[in-house]
Protein backbone atom coordinates (compact mmCIF):
# COMPACT_ATOMS: atom_id res chain seq x y z
CA UNK A 1 29.54 -13.07 -10.06
CA UNK A 2 27.55 -9.72 -8.70
CA UNK A 3 28.47 -9.23 -4.92
CA UNK A 4 24.03 -9.84 -4.27
CA UNK A 5 23.07 -9.15 -0.38
CA UNK A 6 19.41 -11.32 0.37
CA UNK A 7 16.52 -8.72 1.41
CA UNK A 8 14.01 -10.01 3.48
CA UNK A 9 12.75 -13.48 1.89
CA UNK A 10 14.56 -16.50 3.77
CA UNK A 11 18.15 -17.52 4.10
CA UNK A 12 16.60 -20.93 2.73
CA UNK A 13 16.81 -19.08 -0.95
CA UNK A 14 17.89 -21.20 -3.65
CA UNK A 15 21.84 -20.34 -3.93
CA UNK A 16 23.00 -18.31 -6.33
CA UNK A 17 25.57 -19.44 -8.43
CA UNK A 18 29.17 -17.64 -9.20
CA UNK A 19 27.68 -16.10 -12.34
CA UNK A 20 24.80 -14.66 -12.13
CA UNK A 21 24.82 -13.50 -16.68
CA UNK A 22 25.33 -17.24 -17.85
CA UNK A 23 23.50 -19.16 -14.70
CA UNK A 24 20.32 -19.05 -13.98
CA UNK A 25 18.80 -18.60 -10.10
CA UNK A 26 15.59 -18.79 -8.65
CA UNK A 27 13.90 -16.53 -5.73
CA UNK A 28 10.98 -17.65 -3.67
CA UNK A 29 8.13 -16.18 -2.46
CA UNK A 30 5.89 -17.33 0.15
CA UNK A 31 1.99 -16.10 0.42
CA UNK A 32 1.96 -12.38 2.06
CA UNK A 33 5.40 -11.15 0.70
CA UNK A 34 4.96 -7.91 -1.13
CA UNK A 35 6.26 -4.30 -2.16
CA UNK A 36 3.74 -1.98 -2.46
CA UNK A 37 3.55 1.25 -0.61
CA UNK A 38 0.03 3.77 -0.41
CA UNK A 39 -1.03 6.94 1.64
CA UNK A 40 -3.49 6.71 4.34
CA UNK A 41 -6.82 7.47 1.89
CA UNK A 42 -5.47 4.16 -0.17
CA UNK A 43 -5.30 2.35 2.71
CA UNK A 44 -2.37 3.51 4.43
CA UNK A 45 -0.06 0.51 3.40
CA UNK A 46 3.77 0.53 3.77
CA UNK A 47 4.75 -3.50 2.79
CA UNK A 48 8.79 -4.19 1.52
CA UNK A 49 8.94 -7.53 2.54
CA UNK A 50 9.17 -9.32 -1.13
CA UNK A 51 12.33 -11.08 -1.34
CA UNK A 52 14.89 -9.34 -3.05
CA UNK A 53 18.17 -10.12 -4.55
CA UNK A 54 20.15 -6.63 -5.24
CA UNK A 55 23.84 -5.37 -4.96
CA UNK A 56 24.64 -1.41 -4.31
CA UNK A 57 25.94 0.47 -6.69
CA UNK A 58 26.56 4.80 -7.20
CA UNK A 59 23.69 5.93 -8.81
CA UNK A 60 26.01 8.66 -11.12
CA UNK A 61 27.52 4.76 -12.43
CA UNK A 62 24.57 3.29 -13.23
CA UNK A 63 23.78 2.70 -16.94
CA UNK A 64 21.71 -0.66 -17.59
CA UNK A 65 20.70 -3.66 -15.94
CA UNK A 66 18.30 -6.92 -17.57
CA UNK A 67 16.77 -10.17 -16.38
CA UNK A 68 14.52 -12.70 -18.52
CA UNK A 69 11.82 -13.55 -15.87
CA UNK A 70 9.58 -16.33 -15.90
CA UNK A 71 7.29 -18.09 -13.59
CA UNK A 72 4.18 -20.28 -13.04
CA UNK A 73 2.21 -17.00 -12.13
CA UNK A 74 -1.33 -18.17 -10.63
CA UNK A 75 -2.14 -16.40 -7.45
CA UNK A 76 -3.61 -12.40 -7.45
CA UNK A 77 -0.54 -9.92 -7.85
CA UNK A 78 1.85 -12.43 -8.06
CA UNK A 79 4.86 -11.01 -9.55
CA UNK A 80 8.52 -11.00 -10.48
CA UNK A 81 11.55 -9.09 -12.03
CA UNK A 82 13.61 -6.11 -11.47
CA UNK A 83 13.79 -3.48 -8.67
CA UNK A 84 15.82 -0.50 -8.11
CA UNK A 85 15.75 1.60 -4.84
CA UNK A 86 17.03 4.26 -2.84
CA UNK A 87 17.20 3.24 1.22
CA UNK A 88 17.41 7.01 2.02
CA UNK A 89 20.32 8.93 4.28
CA UNK A 90 18.17 8.26 7.24
CA UNK A 91 17.89 4.20 6.67
CA UNK A 92 18.45 1.69 9.43
CA UNK A 93 19.42 -1.96 7.70
CA UNK A 94 19.85 -4.80 10.19
CA UNK A 95 21.05 -8.35 9.65
CA UNK A 96 18.80 -10.95 10.99
CA UNK A 97 19.83 -14.46 12.66
CA UNK A 98 18.80 -16.37 9.96
CA UNK A 99 21.06 -14.42 7.45
CA UNK A 100 18.55 -11.72 5.24
CA UNK A 101 18.75 -8.55 5.52
CA UNK A 102 15.57 -6.11 6.17
CA UNK A 103 15.08 -2.50 6.64
CA UNK A 104 13.83 -1.30 9.83
CA UNK A 105 11.80 1.37 6.98
CA UNK A 106 10.68 1.08 3.64
CA UNK A 107 13.03 2.67 1.17
CA UNK A 108 12.59 6.33 0.23
CA UNK A 109 12.07 5.47 -3.29
CA UNK A 110 11.90 2.21 -5.06
CA UNK A 111 11.04 1.56 -9.12
CA UNK A 112 10.32 -2.45 -9.78
CA UNK A 113 9.04 -4.16 -13.28
CA UNK A 114 8.27 -7.34 -14.27
CA UNK A 115 5.50 -9.60 -15.24
CA UNK A 116 1.99 -10.02 -12.69
CA UNK A 117 -0.47 -12.06 -12.52
CA UNK A 118 -3.77 -9.60 -12.68
CA UNK A 119 -7.45 -10.88 -13.44
CA UNK A 120 -6.41 -13.85 -15.06
CA UNK A 121 -4.43 -12.17 -17.08
CA UNK A 122 -0.05 -11.83 -17.47
CA UNK A 123 0.97 -8.63 -17.59
CA UNK A 124 4.08 -6.51 -18.02
CA UNK A 125 3.89 -4.66 -15.04
CA UNK A 126 5.18 -1.35 -13.44
CA UNK A 127 5.26 -0.02 -10.17
CA UNK A 128 7.15 3.30 -8.48
CA UNK A 129 7.76 4.71 -5.19
CA UNK A 130 8.09 8.20 -4.60
CA UNK A 131 6.84 8.51 -1.98
CA UNK A 132 3.75 6.92 -2.75
CA UNK A 133 3.18 3.98 -5.00
CA UNK A 134 1.52 4.08 -8.62
CA UNK A 135 1.13 1.05 -10.48
CA UNK A 136 0.93 0.59 -14.22
CA UNK A 137 -0.13 -2.65 -16.84
CA UNK A 138 0.16 -3.53 -20.33
CA UNK A 139 -0.54 -6.75 -21.36
CA UNK A 140 2.00 -9.56 -22.30
CA UNK A 141 0.36 -12.57 -22.52
CA UNK A 142 3.06 -14.55 -21.60
CA UNK A 143 5.11 -15.77 -18.42
CA UNK A 144 8.36 -15.26 -19.79
CA UNK A 145 9.59 -11.89 -20.95
CA UNK A 146 13.15 -9.98 -20.89
CA UNK A 147 12.69 -6.64 -18.73
CA UNK A 148 15.31 -3.71 -18.95
CA UNK A 149 16.13 -0.54 -16.72
CA UNK A 150 18.03 1.98 -18.89
CA UNK A 151 19.61 5.25 -18.36
CA UNK A 152 18.46 7.20 -21.52
CA UNK A 153 18.66 11.21 -21.86
CA UNK A 154 18.79 11.79 -17.86
CA UNK A 155 15.67 9.65 -17.56
CA UNK A 156 15.23 5.72 -16.17
CA UNK A 157 13.35 3.67 -19.27
CA UNK A 158 11.95 0.70 -18.95
CA UNK A 159 11.36 -1.89 -21.81
CA UNK A 160 10.06 -5.48 -22.29
CA UNK A 161 10.74 -8.14 -24.93
CA UNK A 162 8.89 -10.97 -25.62
CA UNK A 163 10.22 -13.61 -26.93
CA UNK A 164 11.35 -13.01 -31.42
CA UNK A 165 9.51 -9.32 -30.84
CA UNK A 166 11.27 -6.13 -30.91
CA UNK A 167 11.88 -4.21 -27.45
CA UNK A 168 8.86 -2.23 -26.37
CA UNK A 169 8.98 0.92 -24.35
CA UNK A 170 6.78 0.71 -21.35
CA UNK A 171 7.62 3.96 -19.59
CA UNK A 172 9.70 6.52 -18.94
CA UNK A 173 10.54 7.91 -14.89
CA UNK A 174 11.87 11.23 -14.90
CA UNK A 175 12.73 11.88 -11.43
CA UNK A 176 15.65 9.09 -10.59
CA UNK A 177 18.97 10.74 -11.72
CA UNK A 178 17.67 14.42 -10.16
CA UNK A 179 20.19 13.97 -7.35
CA UNK A 180 22.57 12.06 -8.85
CA UNK A 181 25.46 13.97 -7.89
CA UNK A 182 25.43 14.03 -4.42
CA UNK A 183 27.13 10.84 -3.62
CA UNK A 184 24.21 8.58 -3.48
CA UNK A 185 24.35 5.06 -3.71
CA UNK A 186 21.19 2.71 -5.00
CA UNK A 187 20.35 -0.92 -4.77
CA UNK A 188 19.60 -3.09 -7.86
CA UNK A 189 18.47 -6.09 -8.44
CA UNK A 190 15.74 -8.47 -8.56
CA UNK A 191 12.61 -9.30 -6.50
CA UNK A 192 9.72 -11.34 -6.22
CA UNK A 193 6.40 -11.05 -4.49
CA UNK A 194 2.90 -12.97 -3.76
CA UNK A 195 0.41 -10.81 -1.97
CA UNK A 196 -2.53 -13.54 -1.83
CA UNK A 197 -1.37 -17.24 -1.66
CA UNK A 198 -2.17 -20.33 0.36
CA UNK A 199 -0.09 -20.04 3.28
CA UNK A 200 -2.63 -20.91 5.77
CA UNK A 201 -3.96 -24.23 3.82
CA UNK A 202 -0.22 -25.29 2.76
CA UNK A 203 0.10 -23.66 -0.29
CA UNK A 204 3.45 -23.57 -2.39
CA UNK A 205 6.26 -20.87 -2.75
CA UNK A 206 6.37 -18.79 -6.36
CA UNK A 207 9.09 -19.65 -7.74
CA UNK A 208 10.58 -17.00 -10.22
CA UNK A 209 13.51 -18.29 -12.39
CA UNK A 210 16.23 -15.46 -13.91
CA UNK A 211 18.20 -15.93 -16.82
CA UNK A 212 21.17 -13.60 -18.36
CA UNK A 213 20.54 -10.76 -14.91
CA UNK A 214 23.32 -8.30 -16.18
CA UNK A 215 24.39 -4.70 -14.73
CA UNK A 216 26.41 -1.95 -16.37
CA UNK A 217 27.69 1.43 -14.88
CA UNK A 218 30.99 3.17 -15.97
């Protein structure tokens, strides 16, 4: 079993199975949760409160991570997928009484990819933040797909695979491994967010299902 830490979210998350590669598990996001960062001219937001299950590994050893994601995405920007983040040298991480872990400040840089609901359609989404976030979308048209983040030729490549279709590259991120020899550790895992929801009117959570989660290091 991967040694996951629960960030943000709530302690009432469904329990993790003993083997996250062989068994499915769920991450629940409440309305108002998000992972997003902008400069002042674009709103000045710095949100990192979407629930995350992640494990820490040396950046130099990371090779590949993957998971199959599915959910009933219905509200704008509802999303679930993989995440990788570097807290930074000065990050302060605290433990809540309910057993969840939170950052006093958001990580120095982060990358997330998965399924996102936008403008009435389902997309394969990638967001990178270093330091501000950018966002790219590719029409997916299904609520279930496999996402991969993979080291290749010194860069991080992001892929998506729909059922019975070939793997498709979504993005190359060239800066991830730039300082890997300084001993830094990164967190890798899964995340869910529901920025817009029915929190005030009794609406439910977004429950994202993860299958075949895998993490490979050397």
